[in-house]
Every structure is written in structure tokens, then in C-alpha cells.
Amino acid sequence: MTTLAVVSAGLGQPSSTRLLADRLAAAAAGALGADTAVETIELRDHAHAMVDATLTGFPSGAFRDAVKTVEGADGLIAVTPVFNASYSGLFKTFFDVIERDSMEGKPVLLGATGGTGRHSLAIDYAMRPLFAYLRATAAPTAVYAASEDWGSGETGLPDRIARAGAELAALVRARPAPAREDLYENPVPFEQLLSGR
């Protein structure tokens, strides 16, 4: 079973950010095949818990489950609205809480929404560097959807979504399965722990 985590940082309900996230997830899951499980995380539902986690250093409750879903997924779709020419604070706060090592090599599909096409470069100058820092593997095609993209079939949005979904699927298939180490299989002897060796 292949697992895809979808992170949507939209503030409204419904939101164009969630709509884009759902379409990207459908394209990627369709390209991966029937044995793909998709789990979507609405960051607005965890806003207070994210602030608590940044203050305490520990995610808790349902937010902890959301973090574990992203860390354990085979691939990630991350979509944010663009505010002040960059990703939203909600989006950044979530990825500040994620363990950096858990993102290493993880295939990620980037998406963003905004009022006009003028903000489309936010993906390349804000989102890509964030995921490069986390050592994730971003799909070559990212998808930006402006307000006008939703009302017309001539914007190319469906083609960009399909191409990006196929690219994420290819990255997920090409990634070697992570080694799942059982921490209890070969325990360190108690005497060795006491001796400091």
C-alpha cells in the first residue's frame, strides 16, 4: 500500500487551496494505482495545537497524528495560499514542527493558490528552498492556481495537475523503500549502557 499525505493550508471552508490539493491528490493517486491511500490534513483544524507544539517542542493529540501521517507517508502534496508574496504562516509553522530528518528524500508535490498569476513565482523562491532545506525531493512541475484558472478550461490547469501528479507518482515509485528498523530487535545490553561504551 502506497500512502500519500496531503497538507492543505487553506483558511476558508471551502477553499481554493483545498480544491487544488484534492485535484493534485486525485491525479497522483490515479497515476500510482488503486492501492494508494490518501490522507488529507487541513492545517486550519490544528492551528492552536501547532502553536502549542512550537512552544513546548512536542506535538500532541490529533495534531501529533497529523505529523506522524506526514512523516510516515511515501509521498507528500503540500499546498498553501500565497500571502504577502510567500507561503502562509500556518504552512510554515507546520513544517517548523516536522522533524527535519523525516523529510529526507521524501517525494513532494508543491502547489499554491492566489488571487492573481503575479504570485506564481512564490513556489520557486519560497517553497522550493524550504523543502530543499528539509532535504525532500520536489517534483519538477509545481502547480499554481490563480482565481482566473478556476473559471476557464483554457488556462491549462488540468494539464499541469495531471503532469505534476504523474511526476510525483514516478518519484514515489523510484524511491527505495525506507528501512524500517526495529529498535527492540537488537537491544544494547544493560551492562554496556552503564559502562558508557
Protein backbone atom coordinates (compact mmCIF):
# COMPACT_ATOMS: atom_id res chain seq x y z
CA MET A 1 0.00 0.00 0.00
CA THR A 2 1.36 3.39 -1.05
CA THR A 3 0.45 6.32 1.19
CA LEU A 4 0.13 9.96 0.17
CA ALA A 5 -0.22 12.72 2.75
CA VAL A 6 -1.86 15.94 1.60
CA VAL A 7 -1.26 19.15 3.57
CA SER A 8 -3.69 21.97 2.83
CA ALA A 9 -3.05 25.35 4.45
CA GLY A 10 -6.27 26.98 3.24
CA LEU A 11 -8.07 29.17 5.74
CA GLY A 12 -11.62 29.07 4.42
CA GLN A 13 -14.07 26.24 4.15
CA PRO A 14 -14.37 25.53 1.30
CA SER A 15 -11.12 26.95 -0.05
CA SER A 16 -9.42 27.03 -3.43
CA THR A 17 -6.31 25.71 -1.68
CA ARG A 18 -8.15 22.55 -0.60
CA LEU A 19 -9.71 22.25 -4.06
CA LEU A 20 -6.25 22.31 -5.67
CA ALA A 21 -4.92 19.86 -3.06
CA ASP A 22 -7.76 17.43 -3.78
CA ARG A 23 -7.19 17.60 -7.54
CA LEU A 24 -3.45 17.06 -7.17
CA ALA A 25 -4.10 14.10 -4.86
CA ALA A 26 -6.55 12.57 -7.34
CA ALA A 27 -4.03 12.94 -10.18
CA ALA A 28 -1.17 11.42 -8.17
CA ALA A 29 -3.30 8.58 -6.77
CA GLY A 30 -4.62 7.84 -10.26
CA ALA A 31 -1.07 7.63 -11.60
CA LEU A 32 0.04 5.40 -8.69
CA GLY A 33 -2.83 2.93 -8.96
CA ALA A 34 -5.66 1.50 -6.89
CA ASP A 35 -3.53 0.51 -3.89
CA THR A 36 -2.90 4.14 -2.90
CA ALA A 37 -4.25 5.60 0.34
CA VAL A 38 -4.63 9.38 0.56
CA GLU A 39 -4.91 11.22 3.87
CA THR A 40 -5.62 14.96 3.85
CA ILE A 41 -4.65 17.27 6.70
CA GLU A 42 -6.37 20.63 6.99
CA LEU A 43 -3.91 22.82 8.90
CA ARG A 44 -6.66 25.22 9.99
CA ASP A 45 -8.01 22.42 12.19
CA HIS A 46 -4.69 22.22 14.06
CA ALA A 47 -3.77 25.92 14.32
CA HIS A 48 -3.78 26.13 18.14
CA ALA A 49 -2.03 22.77 18.53
CA MET A 50 0.71 23.92 16.12
CA VAL A 51 1.41 26.99 18.24
CA ASP A 52 1.47 24.82 21.37
CA ALA A 53 3.92 22.44 19.68
CA THR A 54 6.28 25.26 18.73
CA LEU A 55 6.28 26.46 22.34
CA THR A 56 6.64 23.06 24.01
CA GLY A 57 8.57 21.20 21.32
CA PHE A 58 6.05 18.33 21.37
CA PRO A 59 3.00 17.84 19.16
CA SER A 60 0.06 16.30 20.98
CA GLY A 61 -3.36 14.78 20.35
CA ALA A 62 -4.82 14.86 16.86
CA PHE A 63 -2.02 17.15 15.71
CA ARG A 64 0.56 14.53 16.67
CA ASP A 65 -1.30 12.04 14.47
CA ALA A 66 -1.20 14.55 11.59
CA VAL A 67 2.56 14.97 12.00
CA LYS A 68 3.06 11.19 12.06
CA THR A 69 0.94 10.86 8.91
CA VAL A 70 3.21 13.26 7.02
CA GLU A 71 6.42 11.78 8.40
CA GLY A 72 5.37 8.22 7.53
CA ALA A 73 3.89 8.87 4.09
CA ASP A 74 5.55 7.64 0.90
CA GLY A 75 4.82 10.96 -0.79
CA LEU A 76 3.55 14.41 0.16
CA ILE A 77 1.40 17.01 -1.55
CA ALA A 78 1.83 20.42 0.09
CA VAL A 79 -0.46 23.29 -0.92
CA THR A 80 -0.61 26.80 0.51
CA PRO A 81 -2.30 30.08 -0.28
CA VAL A 82 0.14 32.85 -1.11
CA PHE A 83 0.09 35.73 1.38
CA ASN A 84 2.49 38.69 1.12
CA ALA A 85 4.33 37.01 -1.77
CA SER A 86 5.12 33.80 0.14
CA TYR A 87 3.57 30.75 1.82
CA SER A 88 1.22 31.32 4.73
CA GLY A 89 2.35 31.42 8.34
CA LEU A 90 0.17 28.40 9.07
CA PHE A 91 2.04 26.43 6.39
CA LYS A 92 5.47 27.47 7.72
CA THR A 93 4.53 26.72 11.32
CA PHE A 94 3.56 23.16 10.38
CA PHE A 95 6.88 22.48 8.67
CA ASP A 96 8.75 24.05 11.59
CA VAL A 97 7.29 21.31 13.81
CA ILE A 98 8.08 18.41 11.44
CA GLU A 99 11.29 16.51 12.22
CA ARG A 100 13.74 17.54 9.51
CA ASP A 101 15.18 14.05 9.06
CA SER A 102 11.73 12.60 8.40
CA MET A 103 11.52 14.57 5.14
CA GLU A 104 14.86 13.41 3.73
CA GLY A 105 14.35 12.11 0.19
CA LYS A 106 10.55 12.24 0.51
CA PRO A 107 8.87 13.00 -2.84
CA VAL A 108 6.88 16.23 -2.58
CA LEU A 109 4.48 17.91 -4.98
CA LEU A 110 4.21 21.66 -4.41
CA GLY A 111 1.09 23.70 -5.05
CA ALA A 112 -0.12 27.20 -4.28
CA THR A 113 -3.14 29.39 -4.84
CA GLY A 114 -3.53 33.13 -5.09
CA GLY A 115 -5.66 35.94 -6.37
CA THR A 116 -3.61 36.64 -9.48
CA GLY A 117 -0.94 34.94 -11.55
CA ARG A 118 1.59 37.54 -10.39
CA HIS A 119 2.30 35.47 -7.28
CA SER A 120 3.11 32.23 -9.10
CA LEU A 121 6.86 32.55 -8.53
CA ALA A 122 6.31 32.18 -4.77
CA ILE A 123 6.57 28.42 -5.31
CA ASP A 124 10.08 28.72 -6.73
CA TYR A 125 11.55 31.38 -4.46
CA ALA A 126 9.82 30.43 -1.19
CA MET A 127 8.50 26.85 -1.20
CA ARG A 128 11.31 25.08 -3.08
CA PRO A 129 14.03 26.45 -0.77
CA LEU A 130 12.02 25.35 2.29
CA PHE A 131 11.76 21.76 1.03
CA ALA A 132 15.37 21.79 -0.15
CA TYR A 133 16.35 22.67 3.42
CA LEU A 134 14.25 19.74 4.65
CA ARG A 135 16.11 17.57 2.09
CA ALA A 136 12.87 16.49 0.42
CA THR A 137 12.72 15.75 -3.32
CA ALA A 138 10.38 18.22 -5.01
CA ALA A 139 8.67 17.20 -8.24
CA PRO A 140 9.83 19.28 -11.23
CA THR A 141 6.35 20.58 -12.00
CA ALA A 142 4.66 22.65 -9.31
CA VAL A 143 1.11 23.92 -9.73
CA TYR A 144 -0.04 27.46 -9.07
CA ALA A 145 -3.73 28.27 -9.48
CA ALA A 146 -4.93 31.86 -9.62
CA SER A 147 -8.58 32.84 -9.32
CA GLU A 148 -8.99 33.03 -13.09
CA ASP A 149 -7.70 29.46 -13.51
CA TRP A 150 -10.84 28.01 -11.93
CA GLY A 151 -13.34 29.67 -14.26
CA SER A 152 -11.89 28.76 -17.64
CA GLY A 153 -10.96 25.49 -19.28
CA GLU A 154 -8.34 27.24 -21.40
CA THR A 155 -5.81 28.03 -18.66
CA GLY A 156 -4.01 24.69 -18.84
CA LEU A 157 -4.61 23.99 -15.14
CA PRO A 158 -5.95 20.44 -15.69
CA ASP A 159 -2.90 19.58 -17.83
CA ARG A 160 -0.49 20.97 -15.22
CA ILE A 161 -2.26 19.00 -12.48
CA ALA A 162 -2.08 15.76 -14.48
CA ARG A 163 1.62 16.27 -15.32
CA ALA A 164 2.52 17.11 -11.72
CA GLY A 165 0.59 14.09 -10.39
CA ALA A 166 2.39 11.78 -12.82
CA GLU A 167 5.77 13.23 -11.80
CA LEU A 168 5.04 12.69 -8.10
CA ALA A 169 3.95 9.12 -8.82
CA ALA A 170 7.20 8.47 -10.70
CA LEU A 171 9.25 9.85 -7.79
CA VAL A 172 7.36 7.72 -5.27
CA ARG A 173 7.87 4.57 -7.38
CA ALA A 174 11.59 5.31 -7.85
CA ARG A 175 12.30 5.90 -4.16
CA PRO A 176 13.76 2.87 -2.41
CA ALA A 177 11.62 1.54 0.41
CA PRO A 178 12.81 3.00 3.71
CA ALA A 179 14.49 0.55 6.03
CA ARG A 180 12.17 0.01 8.97
CA GLU A 181 14.48 -0.66 11.88
CA ASP A 182 13.01 -2.45 14.86
CA LEU A 183 14.57 -0.74 17.86
CA TYR A 184 13.78 -3.73 20.06
CA GLU A 185 15.28 -6.44 17.85
CA ASN A 186 18.90 -5.86 18.93
CA PRO A 187 18.83 -4.01 22.25
CA VAL A 188 22.01 -2.66 23.77
CA PRO A 189 22.96 -4.79 26.79
CA PHE A 190 22.30 -3.07 30.08
CA GLU A 191 25.91 -3.52 31.20
CA GLN A 192 27.11 -1.67 28.10
CA LEU A 193 24.70 1.19 28.79
CA LEU A 194 26.02 1.50 32.36
CA SER A 195 29.66 1.42 31.26
CA GLY A 196 29.15 4.29 28.80
CA ARG A 197 30.55 2.32 25.83
